[in-house]
Amino acid sequence: MGFPVRWWLLSAGSAAMVGASLWSQGAVASAVNIAPDGHAFELAASSAAAYVPPSQNIYYGASGAAVTSVQERLAQLGYYPGPVDGEYGPDLQQAVWAFKEVQGLPVTGGNSVLGPYFRQDLVNPKPPPDLVPNGGPNRIEIDQSIQVLVLYRDNRPYLILHVSTGGGYYYCSTGGCGYAITPDGNYTALSYLPGMIAVPLGFMENPVFFIGRAYAIHGGDPVPWYPTSHGCVRIYADAVDWFHNDVSIGVTSIYVRGTAP
């Protein structure tokens, strides 16, 4: 299974590419694009105009055109904001956290305000750190130091997600005792299991395993702004519905680097 081109249907008559050729080229290529509901549509080649951010702070729970503008911009840059519906809810919050983490802005649970620094960085964003530049053109990098997963396609950031990795605490359960650590290393996507999978420490949703059947990228609640898992890499439930489609089992390299903050 290769890396499909993934695009998000943003709203009636508008679409944006999730693909980071925009980081350096400023253009959208013509292609057949697939929305999460399977709808295929054609987007003609077009130039990326200079982005004009909202002029006011935006708070969690807000709605309207300013929120839509941020959703479209984040999707254009490769951050998954969920449906572009003008509602600042949990999906957009996850994308906001990921963007702040990459830009070096502070992230806390109560800090979901889209303030002036955030809005300024939307205009001239920094790309995510390239942890393993020679790691292969289609790879996954997990940067624990900022709690971000970056999926690369053709050596460019293609999808950027906030994650929650090992929380560093000591735990005991029916599966044994240990420290909640996501081990650094070079791995490969070993297997994928659909649905909600029971494991000794709980449940994993749609896990993509990279160390045996113990460590995986998977869905699960909560996915807060801080590292809290037993050692797996948690991604938000909405993204986990389709994330496995962008992974080639037995092929895609997964690199874990850094220490969770």
C-alpha atoms as a PDB file:
ATOM      1  CA  MET A   1       0.000   0.000   0.000  1.00  0.00           C
ATOM      2  CA  GLY A   2       1.597   3.259  -1.108  1.00  0.00           C
ATOM      3  CA  PHE A   3       1.144   6.808   0.048  1.00  0.00           C
ATOM      4  CA  PRO A   4      -2.135   8.075  -1.427  1.00  0.00           C
ATOM      5  CA  VAL A   5      -2.464  11.756  -2.211  1.00  0.00           C
ATOM      6  CA  ARG A   6      -4.706  13.069   0.577  1.00  0.00           C
ATOM      7  CA  TRP A   7      -6.659  16.255   0.224  1.00  0.00           C
ATOM      8  CA  TRP A   8      -9.403  17.660   2.366  1.00  0.00           C
ATOM      9  CA  LEU A   9     -12.680  18.949   1.031  1.00  0.00           C
ATOM     10  CA  LEU A  10     -12.845  22.215   2.877  1.00  0.00           C
ATOM     11  CA  SER A  11     -16.219  23.642   1.927  1.00  0.00           C
ATOM     12  CA  ALA A  12     -18.471  24.040  -1.070  1.00  0.00           C
ATOM     13  CA  GLY A  13     -16.287  25.453  -3.814  1.00  0.00           C
ATOM     14  CA  SER A  14     -13.038  25.519  -1.841  1.00  0.00           C
ATOM     15  CA  ALA A  15     -10.255  23.026  -1.187  1.00  0.00           C
ATOM     16  CA  ALA A  16      -6.690  23.052   0.041  1.00  0.00           C
ATOM     17  CA  MET A  17      -3.851  20.628  -0.377  1.00  0.00           C
ATOM     18  CA  VAL A  18      -2.346  18.761   2.526  1.00  0.00           C
ATOM     19  CA  GLY A  19       1.088  18.411   1.093  1.00  0.00           C
ATOM     20  CA  ALA A  20       4.138  20.418   1.823  1.00  0.00           C
ATOM     21  CA  SER A  21       5.253  21.308  -1.663  1.00  0.00           C
ATOM     22  CA  LEU A  22       3.602  24.522  -0.493  1.00  0.00           C
ATOM     23  CA  TRP A  23       6.476  25.008   1.947  1.00  0.00           C
ATOM     24  CA  SER A  24       8.839  25.841  -0.896  1.00  0.00           C
ATOM     25  CA  GLN A  25       6.896  26.099  -4.142  1.00  0.00           C
ATOM     26  CA  GLY A  26       3.825  28.128  -3.259  1.00  0.00           C
ATOM     27  CA  ALA A  27       1.639  26.296  -5.770  1.00  0.00           C
ATOM     28  CA  VAL A  28      -0.963  23.550  -5.827  1.00  0.00           C
ATOM     29  CA  ALA A  29      -0.600  20.839  -8.435  1.00  0.00           C
ATOM     30  CA  SER A  30      -3.488  19.507 -10.456  1.00  0.00           C
ATOM     31  CA  ALA A  31      -4.538  16.071  -9.220  1.00  0.00           C
ATOM     32  CA  VAL A  32      -7.415  13.802  -8.363  1.00  0.00           C
ATOM     33  CA  ASN A  33      -7.997  14.264  -4.652  1.00  0.00           C
ATOM     34  CA  ILE A  34      -9.747  12.136  -2.057  1.00  0.00           C
ATOM     35  CA  ALA A  35     -11.750  13.584   0.807  1.00  0.00           C
ATOM     36  CA  PRO A  36     -12.311  11.562   4.012  1.00  0.00           C
ATOM     37  CA  ASP A  37     -15.764  10.497   2.811  1.00  0.00           C
ATOM     38  CA  GLY A  38     -14.244   8.976  -0.347  1.00  0.00           C
ATOM     39  CA  HIS A  39     -15.466  11.776  -2.611  1.00  0.00           C
ATOM     40  CA  ALA A  40     -13.037  12.355  -5.463  1.00  0.00           C
ATOM     41  CA  PHE A  41     -12.755  15.806  -6.945  1.00  0.00           C
ATOM     42  CA  GLU A  42     -10.424  17.686  -9.260  1.00  0.00           C
ATOM     43  CA  LEU A  43      -8.514  20.777  -8.220  1.00  0.00           C
ATOM     44  CA  ALA A  44      -6.975  22.841 -10.987  1.00  0.00           C
ATOM     45  CA  ALA A  45      -3.448  24.166 -10.629  1.00  0.00           C
ATOM     46  CA  SER A  46      -3.413  27.535  -8.927  1.00  0.00           C
ATOM     47  CA  SER A  47      -1.026  29.942  -7.298  1.00  0.00           C
ATOM     48  CA  ALA A  48      -1.001  30.267  -3.536  1.00  0.00           C
ATOM     49  CA  ALA A  49      -1.818  33.880  -2.727  1.00  0.00           C
ATOM     50  CA  ALA A  50      -0.218  35.567   0.253  1.00  0.00           C
ATOM     51  CA  TYR A  51      -2.167  34.601   3.341  1.00  0.00           C
ATOM     52  CA  VAL A  52      -3.879  37.357   5.319  1.00  0.00           C
ATOM     53  CA  PRO A  53      -4.568  36.200   8.903  1.00  0.00           C
ATOM     54  CA  PRO A  54      -7.541  37.242  11.036  1.00  0.00           C
ATOM     55  CA  SER A  55      -7.013  40.536  12.811  1.00  0.00           C
ATOM     56  CA  GLN A  56      -8.452  39.508  16.178  1.00  0.00           C
ATOM     57  CA  ASN A  57      -7.762  36.854  18.816  1.00  0.00           C
ATOM     58  CA  ILE A  58      -9.764  33.649  18.375  1.00  0.00           C
ATOM     59  CA  TYR A  59     -10.846  31.573  21.355  1.00  0.00           C
ATOM     60  CA  TYR A  60     -11.819  27.924  21.700  1.00  0.00           C
ATOM     61  CA  GLY A  61     -15.541  27.570  20.968  1.00  0.00           C
ATOM     62  CA  ALA A  62     -15.604  30.483  18.528  1.00  0.00           C
ATOM     63  CA  SER A  63     -17.223  30.222  15.110  1.00  0.00           C
ATOM     64  CA  GLY A  64     -17.315  32.201  11.908  1.00  0.00           C
ATOM     65  CA  ALA A  65     -15.227  33.322   8.967  1.00  0.00           C
ATOM     66  CA  ALA A  66     -12.052  33.941  10.995  1.00  0.00           C
ATOM     67  CA  VAL A  67     -12.086  30.337  12.226  1.00  0.00           C
ATOM     68  CA  THR A  68     -12.653  29.090   8.671  1.00  0.00           C
ATOM     69  CA  SER A  69      -9.648  31.107   7.517  1.00  0.00           C
ATOM     70  CA  VAL A  70      -7.407  29.475  10.130  1.00  0.00           C
ATOM     71  CA  GLN A  71      -8.721  25.991   9.323  1.00  0.00           C
ATOM     72  CA  GLU A  72      -8.013  26.469   5.629  1.00  0.00           C
ATOM     73  CA  ARG A  73      -4.532  27.831   6.273  1.00  0.00           C
ATOM     74  CA  LEU A  74      -3.542  25.026   8.624  1.00  0.00           C
ATOM     75  CA  ALA A  75      -4.833  22.397   6.178  1.00  0.00           C
ATOM     76  CA  GLN A  76      -2.848  24.098   3.417  1.00  0.00           C
ATOM     77  CA  LEU A  77       0.303  23.805   5.533  1.00  0.00           C
ATOM     78  CA  GLY A  78      -0.238  20.110   6.271  1.00  0.00           C
ATOM     79  CA  TYR A  79      -1.910  20.315   9.685  1.00  0.00           C
ATOM     80  CA  TYR A  80      -5.191  18.405   9.925  1.00  0.00           C
ATOM     81  CA  PRO A  81      -7.878  20.724  11.377  1.00  0.00           C
ATOM     82  CA  GLY A  82     -10.841  18.413  10.837  1.00  0.00           C
ATOM     83  CA  PRO A  83     -13.805  19.559   8.743  1.00  0.00           C
ATOM     84  CA  VAL A  84     -13.458  23.163   7.661  1.00  0.00           C
ATOM     85  CA  ASP A  85     -16.751  24.267   9.105  1.00  0.00           C
ATOM     86  CA  GLY A  86     -15.941  27.526  10.884  1.00  0.00           C
ATOM     87  CA  GLU A  87     -16.173  25.892  14.327  1.00  0.00           C
ATOM     88  CA  TYR A  88     -13.246  25.969  16.760  1.00  0.00           C
ATOM     89  CA  GLY A  89     -13.601  22.540  18.343  1.00  0.00           C
ATOM     90  CA  PRO A  90     -11.361  19.599  19.316  1.00  0.00           C
ATOM     91  CA  ASP A  91     -10.070  18.849  15.792  1.00  0.00           C
ATOM     92  CA  LEU A  92      -8.879  22.398  15.246  1.00  0.00           C
ATOM     93  CA  GLN A  93      -7.438  22.497  18.751  1.00  0.00           C
ATOM     94  CA  GLN A  94      -5.223  19.503  17.934  1.00  0.00           C
ATOM     95  CA  ALA A  95      -3.988  21.242  14.781  1.00  0.00           C
ATOM     96  CA  VAL A  96      -3.395  24.458  16.733  1.00  0.00           C
ATOM     97  CA  TRP A  97      -1.295  22.556  19.285  1.00  0.00           C
ATOM     98  CA  ALA A  98       0.756  20.925  16.523  1.00  0.00           C
ATOM     99  CA  PHE A  99       1.337  24.256  14.794  1.00  0.00           C
ATOM    100  CA  LYS A 100       2.336  25.966  18.040  1.00  0.00           C
ATOM    101  CA  GLU A 101       4.700  23.111  18.872  1.00  0.00           C
ATOM    102  CA  VAL A 102       6.470  23.400  15.520  1.00  0.00           C
ATOM    103  CA  GLN A 103       6.659  27.197  15.728  1.00  0.00           C
ATOM    104  CA  GLY A 104       8.021  27.125  19.282  1.00  0.00           C
ATOM    105  CA  LEU A 105       4.986  28.812  20.830  1.00  0.00           C
ATOM    106  CA  PRO A 106       3.881  27.777  24.348  1.00  0.00           C
ATOM    107  CA  VAL A 107       1.241  25.060  24.570  1.00  0.00           C
ATOM    108  CA  THR A 108      -0.911  24.368  27.614  1.00  0.00           C
ATOM    109  CA  GLY A 109      -4.421  23.091  28.052  1.00  0.00           C
ATOM    110  CA  GLY A 110      -5.782  26.549  28.652  1.00  0.00           C
ATOM    111  CA  ASN A 111      -3.706  28.115  25.908  1.00  0.00           C
ATOM    112  CA  SER A 112      -5.840  27.511  22.849  1.00  0.00           C
ATOM    113  CA  VAL A 113      -6.111  31.227  22.095  1.00  0.00           C
ATOM    114  CA  LEU A 114      -5.023  32.153  18.582  1.00  0.00           C
ATOM    115  CA  GLY A 115      -3.179  35.304  19.505  1.00  0.00           C
ATOM    116  CA  PRO A 116      -0.961  37.722  17.569  1.00  0.00           C
ATOM    117  CA  TYR A 117       2.156  35.521  17.504  1.00  0.00           C
ATOM    118  CA  PHE A 118       0.158  32.544  16.281  1.00  0.00           C
ATOM    119  CA  ARG A 119      -1.527  34.607  13.573  1.00  0.00           C
ATOM    120  CA  GLN A 120       1.795  36.102  12.511  1.00  0.00           C
ATOM    121  CA  ASP A 121       3.370  32.649  12.229  1.00  0.00           C
ATOM    122  CA  LEU A 122       0.525  31.547   9.956  1.00  0.00           C
ATOM    123  CA  VAL A 123       1.849  34.034   7.397  1.00  0.00           C
ATOM    124  CA  ASN A 124       5.501  32.904   7.537  1.00  0.00           C
ATOM    125  CA  PRO A 125       5.546  29.505   9.247  1.00  0.00           C
ATOM    126  CA  LYS A 126       8.623  27.471  10.056  1.00  0.00           C
ATOM    127  CA  PRO A 127       8.611  23.925   8.702  1.00  0.00           C
ATOM    128  CA  PRO A 128       8.899  21.096  11.225  1.00  0.00           C
ATOM    129  CA  PRO A 129      12.410  19.990  12.193  1.00  0.00           C
ATOM    130  CA  ASP A 130      13.837  17.466   9.742  1.00  0.00           C
ATOM    131  CA  LEU A 131      15.089  14.828  12.163  1.00  0.00           C
ATOM    132  CA  VAL A 132      16.279  12.164   9.703  1.00  0.00           C
ATOM    133  CA  PRO A 133      16.829  13.846   6.323  1.00  0.00           C
ATOM    134  CA  ASN A 134      18.265  10.649   4.831  1.00  0.00           C
ATOM    135  CA  GLY A 135      15.586   8.427   6.317  1.00  0.00           C
ATOM    136  CA  GLY A 136      13.758   7.807   3.045  1.00  0.00           C
ATOM    137  CA  PRO A 137      11.382   9.947   0.988  1.00  0.00           C
ATOM    138  CA  ASN A 138       8.217   8.482   2.541  1.00  0.00           C
ATOM    139  CA  ARG A 139       8.709   8.205   6.280  1.00  0.00           C
ATOM    140  CA  ILE A 140       7.271   9.102   9.661  1.00  0.00           C
ATOM    141  CA  GLU A 141       9.216  11.147  12.196  1.00  0.00           C
ATOM    142  CA  ILE A 142       8.034  11.470  15.792  1.00  0.00           C
ATOM    143  CA  ASP A 143       9.640  14.338  17.675  1.00  0.00           C
ATOM    144  CA  GLN A 144       9.002  13.712  21.359  1.00  0.00           C
ATOM    145  CA  SER A 145      10.639  16.973  22.396  1.00  0.00           C
ATOM    146  CA  ILE A 146       7.738  18.896  20.856  1.00  0.00           C
ATOM    147  CA  GLN A 147       5.084  16.105  20.711  1.00  0.00           C
ATOM    148  CA  VAL A 148       4.644  16.150  16.932  1.00  0.00           C
ATOM    149  CA  LEU A 149       4.375  13.471  14.257  1.00  0.00           C
ATOM    150  CA  VAL A 150       5.399  14.374  10.705  1.00  0.00           C
ATOM    151  CA  LEU A 151       4.574  12.124   7.778  1.00  0.00           C
ATOM    152  CA  TYR A 152       6.851  12.809   4.821  1.00  0.00           C
ATOM    153  CA  ARG A 153       5.958  12.241   1.207  1.00  0.00           C
ATOM    154  CA  ASP A 154       8.691  12.691  -1.403  1.00  0.00           C
ATOM    155  CA  ASN A 155      10.930  14.149   1.329  1.00  0.00           C
ATOM    156  CA  ARG A 156       8.483  16.931   2.163  1.00  0.00           C
ATOM    157  CA  PRO A 157       6.232  17.310   5.198  1.00  0.00           C
ATOM    158  CA  TYR A 158       2.863  15.990   4.079  1.00  0.00           C
ATOM    159  CA  LEU A 159       0.916  15.627   7.324  1.00  0.00           C
ATOM    160  CA  ILE A 160       1.689  17.097  10.751  1.00  0.00           C
ATOM    161  CA  LEU A 161      -0.153  15.890  13.848  1.00  0.00           C
ATOM    162  CA  HIS A 162       0.018  16.598  17.555  1.00  0.00           C
ATOM    163  CA  VAL A 163       0.738  13.410  19.531  1.00  0.00           C
ATOM    164  CA  SER A 164       0.970  12.257  23.115  1.00  0.00           C
ATOM    165  CA  THR A 165       3.885   9.897  23.784  1.00  0.00           C
ATOM    166  CA  GLY A 166       5.110   8.126  26.929  1.00  0.00           C
ATOM    167  CA  GLY A 167       4.469  10.116  30.098  1.00  0.00           C
ATOM    168  CA  GLY A 168       7.592   8.971  31.941  1.00  0.00           C
ATOM    169  CA  TYR A 169       5.719   7.679  35.011  1.00  0.00           C
ATOM    170  CA  TYR A 170       6.001   4.279  36.649  1.00  0.00           C
ATOM    171  CA  TYR A 171       2.938   2.049  36.352  1.00  0.00           C
ATOM    172  CA  CYS A 172       1.709  -1.396  37.300  1.00  0.00           C
ATOM    173  CA  SER A 173      -1.182  -3.234  35.678  1.00  0.00           C
ATOM    174  CA  THR A 174      -2.330  -6.739  34.811  1.00  0.00           C
ATOM    175  CA  GLY A 175       0.218  -6.610  31.987  1.00  0.00           C
ATOM    176  CA  GLY A 176       3.078  -5.941  34.383  1.00  0.00           C
ATOM    177  CA  CYS A 177       5.015  -2.941  35.665  1.00  0.00           C
ATOM    178  CA  GLY A 178       7.298  -0.520  33.897  1.00  0.00           C
ATOM    179  CA  TYR A 179       8.083   3.043  32.945  1.00  0.00           C
ATOM    180  CA  ALA A 180       5.876   4.855  30.475  1.00  0.00           C
ATOM    181  CA  ILE A 181       8.522   5.651  27.884  1.00  0.00           C
ATOM    182  CA  THR A 182       8.403   5.756  24.095  1.00  0.00           C
ATOM    183  CA  PRO A 183      11.845   4.414  23.123  1.00  0.00           C
ATOM    184  CA  ASP A 184      13.901   6.364  20.612  1.00  0.00           C
ATOM    185  CA  GLY A 185      14.941   4.339  17.598  1.00  0.00           C
ATOM    186  CA  ASN A 186      14.562   3.460  13.947  1.00  0.00           C
ATOM    187  CA  TYR A 187      11.555   1.277  13.197  1.00  0.00           C
ATOM    188  CA  THR A 188       9.293   0.062  10.422  1.00  0.00           C
ATOM    189  CA  ALA A 189       5.505  -0.055  10.270  1.00  0.00           C
ATOM    190  CA  LEU A 190       5.058  -3.744  11.083  1.00  0.00           C
ATOM    191  CA  SER A 191       1.312  -4.318  11.057  1.00  0.00           C
ATOM    192  CA  TYR A 192      -2.081  -2.683  11.211  1.00  0.00           C
ATOM    193  CA  LEU A 193      -5.185  -3.914  13.033  1.00  0.00           C
ATOM    194  CA  PRO A 194      -8.532  -2.237  12.363  1.00  0.00           C
ATOM    195  CA  GLY A 195     -10.966  -1.330  15.088  1.00  0.00           C
ATOM    196  CA  MET A 196     -10.646  -1.167  18.857  1.00  0.00           C
ATOM    197  CA  ILE A 197      -7.967  -3.657  19.907  1.00  0.00           C
ATOM    198  CA  ALA A 198      -7.724  -4.908  23.505  1.00  0.00           C
ATOM    199  CA  VAL A 199      -4.172  -5.043  24.885  1.00  0.00           C
ATOM    200  CA  PRO A 200      -2.861  -5.664  28.422  1.00  0.00           C
ATOM    201  CA  LEU A 201      -2.785  -1.930  29.202  1.00  0.00           C
ATOM    202  CA  GLY A 202      -6.166  -1.060  27.720  1.00  0.00           C
ATOM    203  CA  PHE A 203      -7.363  -0.439  24.180  1.00  0.00           C
ATOM    204  CA  MET A 204      -5.809   0.813  20.962  1.00  0.00           C
ATOM    205  CA  GLU A 205      -7.894   2.184  18.108  1.00  0.00           C
ATOM    206  CA  ASN A 206      -6.678   1.303  14.588  1.00  0.00           C
ATOM    207  CA  PRO A 207      -3.096   0.680  15.746  1.00  0.00           C
ATOM    208  CA  VAL A 208      -0.110   0.770  13.383  1.00  0.00           C
ATOM    209  CA  PHE A 209       2.489  -1.264  15.296  1.00  0.00           C
ATOM    210  CA  PHE A 210       6.197  -0.468  15.074  1.00  0.00           C
ATOM    211  CA  ILE A 211       7.608  -2.587  17.955  1.00  0.00           C
ATOM    212  CA  GLY A 212       6.029  -6.042  18.016  1.00  0.00           C
ATOM    213  CA  ARG A 213       2.475  -5.841  19.326  1.00  0.00           C
ATOM    214  CA  ALA A 214       3.485  -3.558  22.169  1.00  0.00           C
ATOM    215  CA  TYR A 215       4.124  -0.100  20.682  1.00  0.00           C
ATOM    216  CA  ALA A 216       1.945   1.517  18.072  1.00  0.00           C
ATOM    217  CA  ILE A 217       0.662   4.741  16.623  1.00  0.00           C
ATOM    218  CA  HIS A 218      -3.002   4.577  17.557  1.00  0.00           C
ATOM    219  CA  GLY A 219      -6.080   6.472  18.564  1.00  0.00           C
ATOM    220  CA  GLY A 220      -7.166   6.836  22.133  1.00  0.00           C
ATOM    221  CA  ASP A 221      -8.569   9.321  24.568  1.00  0.00           C
ATOM    222  CA  PRO A 222      -7.353  11.487  25.962  1.00  0.00           C
ATOM    223  CA  VAL A 223      -4.793  13.077  23.655  1.00  0.00           C
ATOM    224  CA  PRO A 224      -3.896  16.092  25.787  1.00  0.00           C
ATOM    225  CA  TRP A 225      -1.213  18.688  25.107  1.00  0.00           C
ATOM    226  CA  TYR A 226       1.320  16.797  27.243  1.00  0.00           C
ATOM    227  CA  PRO A 227       2.861  13.268  27.054  1.00  0.00           C
ATOM    228  CA  THR A 228       0.693  10.815  28.965  1.00  0.00           C
ATOM    229  CA  SER A 229       0.635   7.416  27.222  1.00  0.00           C
ATOM    230  CA  HIS A 230       2.145   4.185  28.525  1.00  0.00           C
ATOM    231  CA  GLY A 231       4.633   4.346  25.642  1.00  0.00           C
ATOM    232  CA  CYS A 232       2.614   4.297  22.459  1.00  0.00           C
ATOM    233  CA  VAL A 233       2.102   7.309  20.210  1.00  0.00           C
ATOM    234  CA  ARG A 234      -1.463   8.555  20.550  1.00  0.00           C
ATOM    235  CA  ILE A 235      -3.133  10.570  17.812  1.00  0.00           C
ATOM    236  CA  TYR A 236      -6.564  12.140  17.868  1.00  0.00           C
ATOM    237  CA  ALA A 237      -9.553   9.877  17.204  1.00  0.00           C
ATOM    238  CA  ASP A 238     -10.632  11.704  14.043  1.00  0.00           C
ATOM    239  CA  ALA A 239      -7.210  11.362  12.395  1.00  0.00           C
ATOM    240  CA  VAL A 240      -6.822   7.715  13.372  1.00  0.00           C
ATOM    241  CA  ASP A 241      -9.845   6.843  11.204  1.00  0.00           C
ATOM    242  CA  TRP A 242      -7.711   7.274   8.063  1.00  0.00           C
ATOM    243  CA  PHE A 243      -4.073   7.626   9.158  1.00  0.00           C
ATOM    244  CA  HIS A 244      -3.276   3.977   8.379  1.00  0.00           C
ATOM    245  CA  ASN A 245      -4.119   4.596   4.713  1.00  0.00           C
ATOM    246  CA  ASP A 246      -1.013   6.778   4.480  1.00  0.00           C
ATOM    247  CA  VAL A 247       1.267   4.020   5.766  1.00  0.00           C
ATOM    248  CA  SER A 248       2.821   1.160   3.793  1.00  0.00           C
ATOM    249  CA  ILE A 249       3.031  -1.844   6.113  1.00  0.00           C
ATOM    250  CA  GLY A 250       6.473  -3.425   6.003  1.00  0.00           C
ATOM    251  CA  VAL A 251       7.878  -0.427   4.117  1.00  0.00           C
ATOM    252  CA  THR A 252       7.277   2.885   5.869  1.00  0.00           C
ATOM    253  CA  SER A 253      10.118   3.820   8.219  1.00  0.00           C
ATOM    254  CA  ILE A 254       9.194   5.283  11.610  1.00  0.00           C
ATOM    255  CA  TYR A 255      11.803   7.321  13.466  1.00  0.00           C
ATOM    256  CA  VAL A 256      11.352   8.264  17.108  1.00  0.00           C
ATOM    257  CA  ARG A 257      13.628  10.969  18.463  1.00  0.00           C
ATOM    258  CA  GLY A 258      13.925  13.233  21.488  1.00  0.00           C
ATOM    259  CA  THR A 259      12.804  13.159  25.084  1.00  0.00           C
ATOM    260  CA  ALA A 260       9.259  13.996  26.059  1.00  0.00           C
ATOM    261  CA  PRO A 261       9.081  17.363  27.858  1.00  0.00           C
END
